[in-house]
Amino acid sequence: ELELSGCLVDVFNDPKIALINFKPHYYDLILLDVKMPEMNGFELCQEIQKKDKNVKACFVTADELYYDNV
């Protein structure tokens, strides 16, 4: 667990709430689930980058394969 390693962690289960609470230039890394309700992780990342173009993101998913027709 990241917190046991000394990391400060903010957790959001709703991508829209995560976007509202995003703090520009605050996070060293954001972890985004690819599959979320109403907005996928890639879409959330694009919206976050409008607030902080230098944010570093890592995408995770429990699915074996994910294809996006962007």
N, C-alpha and C. Protein backbone atom coordinates (compact mmCIF):
# COMPACT_ATOMS: atom_id res chain seq x y z
N GLU A 1 0.83 -1.18 0.00
CA GLU A 1 0.00 0.00 0.00
C GLU A 1 0.88 1.24 0.00
N LEU A 2 0.50 2.22 -0.79
CA LEU A 2 1.30 3.43 -0.93
C LEU A 2 1.43 4.21 0.37
N GLU A 3 0.36 4.26 1.14
CA GLU A 3 0.40 5.01 2.39
C GLU A 3 1.38 4.38 3.39
N LEU A 4 1.51 3.07 3.38
CA LEU A 4 2.46 2.41 4.27
C LEU A 4 3.90 2.72 3.89
N SER A 5 4.10 3.14 2.65
CA SER A 5 5.43 3.53 2.17
C SER A 5 5.71 5.01 2.41
N GLY A 6 4.78 5.70 3.04
CA GLY A 6 4.99 7.11 3.36
C GLY A 6 4.41 8.09 2.36
N CYS A 7 3.69 7.60 1.38
CA CYS A 7 3.08 8.47 0.37
C CYS A 7 1.76 9.04 0.90
N LEU A 8 1.50 10.29 0.53
CA LEU A 8 0.19 10.88 0.80
C LEU A 8 -0.70 10.53 -0.37
N VAL A 9 -1.90 10.03 -0.09
CA VAL A 9 -2.77 9.51 -1.14
C VAL A 9 -4.15 10.15 -1.03
N ASP A 10 -4.65 10.65 -2.16
CA ASP A 10 -6.04 11.07 -2.29
C ASP A 10 -6.73 10.04 -3.17
N VAL A 11 -7.90 9.58 -2.76
CA VAL A 11 -8.62 8.55 -3.51
C VAL A 11 -10.01 9.07 -3.86
N PHE A 12 -10.37 8.90 -5.13
CA PHE A 12 -11.70 9.27 -5.59
C PHE A 12 -12.27 8.13 -6.41
N ASN A 13 -13.50 7.77 -6.14
CA ASN A 13 -14.16 6.70 -6.89
C ASN A 13 -14.99 7.22 -8.05
N ASP A 14 -15.17 8.52 -8.12
CA ASP A 14 -15.95 9.16 -9.16
C ASP A 14 -15.03 10.11 -9.93
N PRO A 15 -14.87 9.91 -11.24
CA PRO A 15 -13.94 10.75 -12.01
C PRO A 15 -14.33 12.23 -12.00
N LYS A 16 -15.61 12.54 -11.95
CA LYS A 16 -16.03 13.95 -11.92
C LYS A 16 -15.65 14.60 -10.59
N ILE A 17 -15.79 13.87 -9.50
CA ILE A 17 -15.38 14.38 -8.19
C ILE A 17 -13.86 14.53 -8.15
N ALA A 18 -13.15 13.58 -8.75
CA ALA A 18 -11.68 13.66 -8.81
C ALA A 18 -11.25 14.92 -9.55
N LEU A 19 -11.91 15.22 -10.65
CA LEU A 19 -11.57 16.41 -11.45
C LEU A 19 -11.85 17.69 -10.66
N ILE A 20 -12.96 17.73 -9.97
CA ILE A 20 -13.30 18.91 -9.16
C ILE A 20 -12.26 19.13 -8.07
N ASN A 21 -11.76 18.04 -7.48
CA ASN A 21 -10.82 18.14 -6.35
C ASN A 21 -9.36 18.12 -6.77
N PHE A 22 -9.08 18.03 -8.06
CA PHE A 22 -7.69 18.00 -8.52
C PHE A 22 -6.98 19.30 -8.17
N LYS A 23 -5.76 19.17 -7.63
CA LYS A 23 -4.95 20.33 -7.23
C LYS A 23 -3.77 20.45 -8.20
N PRO A 24 -3.76 21.45 -9.08
CA PRO A 24 -2.64 21.61 -10.01
C PRO A 24 -1.30 21.76 -9.28
N HIS A 25 -0.27 21.16 -9.84
CA HIS A 25 1.12 21.25 -9.34
C HIS A 25 1.26 20.70 -7.93
N TYR A 26 0.38 19.80 -7.52
CA TYR A 26 0.40 19.23 -6.18
C TYR A 26 0.87 17.78 -6.20
N TYR A 27 0.44 17.03 -7.19
CA TYR A 27 0.69 15.58 -7.22
C TYR A 27 1.96 15.24 -7.99
N ASP A 28 2.72 14.29 -7.46
CA ASP A 28 3.88 13.76 -8.19
C ASP A 28 3.44 12.77 -9.26
N LEU A 29 2.35 12.06 -9.02
CA LEU A 29 1.85 11.05 -9.94
C LEU A 29 0.37 10.83 -9.68
N ILE A 30 -0.40 10.66 -10.76
CA ILE A 30 -1.79 10.27 -10.61
C ILE A 30 -1.97 8.88 -11.22
N LEU A 31 -2.69 8.03 -10.53
CA LEU A 31 -3.02 6.69 -11.01
C LEU A 31 -4.47 6.71 -11.44
N LEU A 32 -4.72 6.35 -12.68
CA LEU A 32 -6.08 6.41 -13.23
C LEU A 32 -6.52 5.05 -13.73
N ASP A 33 -7.69 4.63 -13.31
CA ASP A 33 -8.28 3.41 -13.83
C ASP A 33 -8.78 3.72 -15.24
N VAL A 34 -8.50 2.83 -16.16
CA VAL A 34 -8.94 3.03 -17.54
C VAL A 34 -10.46 3.02 -17.63
N LYS A 35 -11.09 2.08 -16.93
CA LYS A 35 -12.54 1.93 -17.02
C LYS A 35 -13.21 2.51 -15.78
N MET A 36 -13.92 3.61 -15.98
CA MET A 36 -14.67 4.25 -14.91
C MET A 36 -16.03 4.66 -15.46
N PRO A 37 -17.00 4.87 -14.58
CA PRO A 37 -18.32 5.29 -15.06
C PRO A 37 -18.30 6.73 -15.57
N GLU A 38 -19.04 6.98 -16.63
CA GLU A 38 -19.27 8.31 -17.20
C GLU A 38 -18.07 8.94 -17.89
N MET A 39 -16.85 8.63 -17.46
CA MET A 39 -15.65 9.21 -18.05
C MET A 39 -14.52 8.20 -17.86
N ASN A 40 -13.85 7.80 -18.94
CA ASN A 40 -12.77 6.83 -18.76
C ASN A 40 -11.49 7.54 -18.31
N GLY A 41 -10.50 6.77 -17.94
CA GLY A 41 -9.26 7.32 -17.42
C GLY A 41 -8.54 8.22 -18.41
N PHE A 42 -8.62 7.91 -19.69
CA PHE A 42 -7.97 8.73 -20.71
C PHE A 42 -8.66 10.10 -20.81
N GLU A 43 -9.98 10.10 -20.76
CA GLU A 43 -10.73 11.36 -20.81
C GLU A 43 -10.46 12.20 -19.56
N LEU A 44 -10.41 11.55 -18.40
CA LEU A 44 -10.11 12.26 -17.17
C LEU A 44 -8.72 12.88 -17.24
N CYS A 45 -7.76 12.14 -17.75
CA CYS A 45 -6.40 12.65 -17.88
C CYS A 45 -6.37 13.89 -18.78
N GLN A 46 -7.10 13.86 -19.88
CA GLN A 46 -7.15 15.02 -20.77
C GLN A 46 -7.70 16.25 -20.05
N GLU A 47 -8.73 16.05 -19.24
CA GLU A 47 -9.31 17.16 -18.50
C GLU A 47 -8.35 17.67 -17.42
N ILE A 48 -7.66 16.76 -16.76
CA ILE A 48 -6.68 17.14 -15.74
C ILE A 48 -5.53 17.91 -16.37
N GLN A 49 -5.10 17.50 -17.57
CA GLN A 49 -4.00 18.18 -18.25
C GLN A 49 -4.37 19.61 -18.63
N LYS A 50 -5.64 19.93 -18.73
CA LYS A 50 -6.06 21.32 -18.97
C LYS A 50 -5.76 22.19 -17.75
N LYS A 51 -5.72 21.56 -16.57
CA LYS A 51 -5.43 22.26 -15.33
C LYS A 51 -3.93 22.24 -15.00
N ASP A 52 -3.24 21.18 -15.42
CA ASP A 52 -1.81 21.01 -15.14
C ASP A 52 -1.20 20.19 -16.28
N LYS A 53 -0.60 20.87 -17.25
CA LYS A 53 -0.09 20.19 -18.43
C LYS A 53 1.12 19.31 -18.14
N ASN A 54 1.74 19.45 -16.98
CA ASN A 54 2.93 18.66 -16.65
C ASN A 54 2.65 17.47 -15.74
N VAL A 55 1.39 17.19 -15.48
CA VAL A 55 1.03 16.09 -14.58
C VAL A 55 1.50 14.75 -15.17
N LYS A 56 1.99 13.89 -14.31
CA LYS A 56 2.41 12.55 -14.73
C LYS A 56 1.31 11.57 -14.35
N ALA A 57 0.94 10.73 -15.31
CA ALA A 57 -0.16 9.80 -15.08
C ALA A 57 0.26 8.38 -15.41
N CYS A 58 -0.28 7.45 -14.66
CA CYS A 58 -0.11 6.02 -14.90
C CYS A 58 -1.52 5.42 -14.99
N PHE A 59 -1.76 4.68 -16.06
CA PHE A 59 -3.07 4.08 -16.27
C PHE A 59 -3.05 2.62 -15.85
N VAL A 60 -4.08 2.22 -15.14
CA VAL A 60 -4.20 0.84 -14.67
C VAL A 60 -5.57 0.31 -15.05
N THR A 61 -5.66 -1.00 -15.18
CA THR A 61 -6.95 -1.63 -15.45
C THR A 61 -6.88 -3.09 -15.03
N ALA A 62 -8.01 -3.65 -14.71
CA ALA A 62 -8.09 -5.06 -14.37
C ALA A 62 -8.37 -5.90 -15.62
N ASP A 63 -8.74 -5.24 -16.72
CA ASP A 63 -9.01 -5.95 -17.97
C ASP A 63 -7.71 -6.42 -18.61
N GLU A 64 -7.81 -7.49 -19.39
CA GLU A 64 -6.64 -7.98 -20.10
C GLU A 64 -6.27 -7.09 -21.27
N LEU A 65 -7.26 -6.62 -22.01
CA LEU A 65 -7.03 -5.76 -23.16
C LEU A 65 -8.00 -4.60 -23.14
N TYR A 66 -7.54 -3.44 -23.59
CA TYR A 66 -8.43 -2.30 -23.70
C TYR A 66 -8.11 -1.59 -25.01
N TYR A 67 -9.10 -1.40 -25.82
CA TYR A 67 -8.93 -0.70 -27.09
C TYR A 67 -9.81 0.53 -27.08
N ASP A 68 -9.24 1.63 -27.53
CA ASP A 68 -9.99 2.89 -27.58
C ASP A 68 -9.89 3.43 -29.00
N ASN A 69 -11.00 3.78 -29.56
CA ASN A 69 -11.03 4.30 -30.93
C ASN A 69 -10.92 5.81 -30.92
N VAL A 70 -9.80 6.31 -30.44
CA VAL A 70 -9.61 7.76 -30.36
C VAL A 70 -9.12 8.27 -31.69
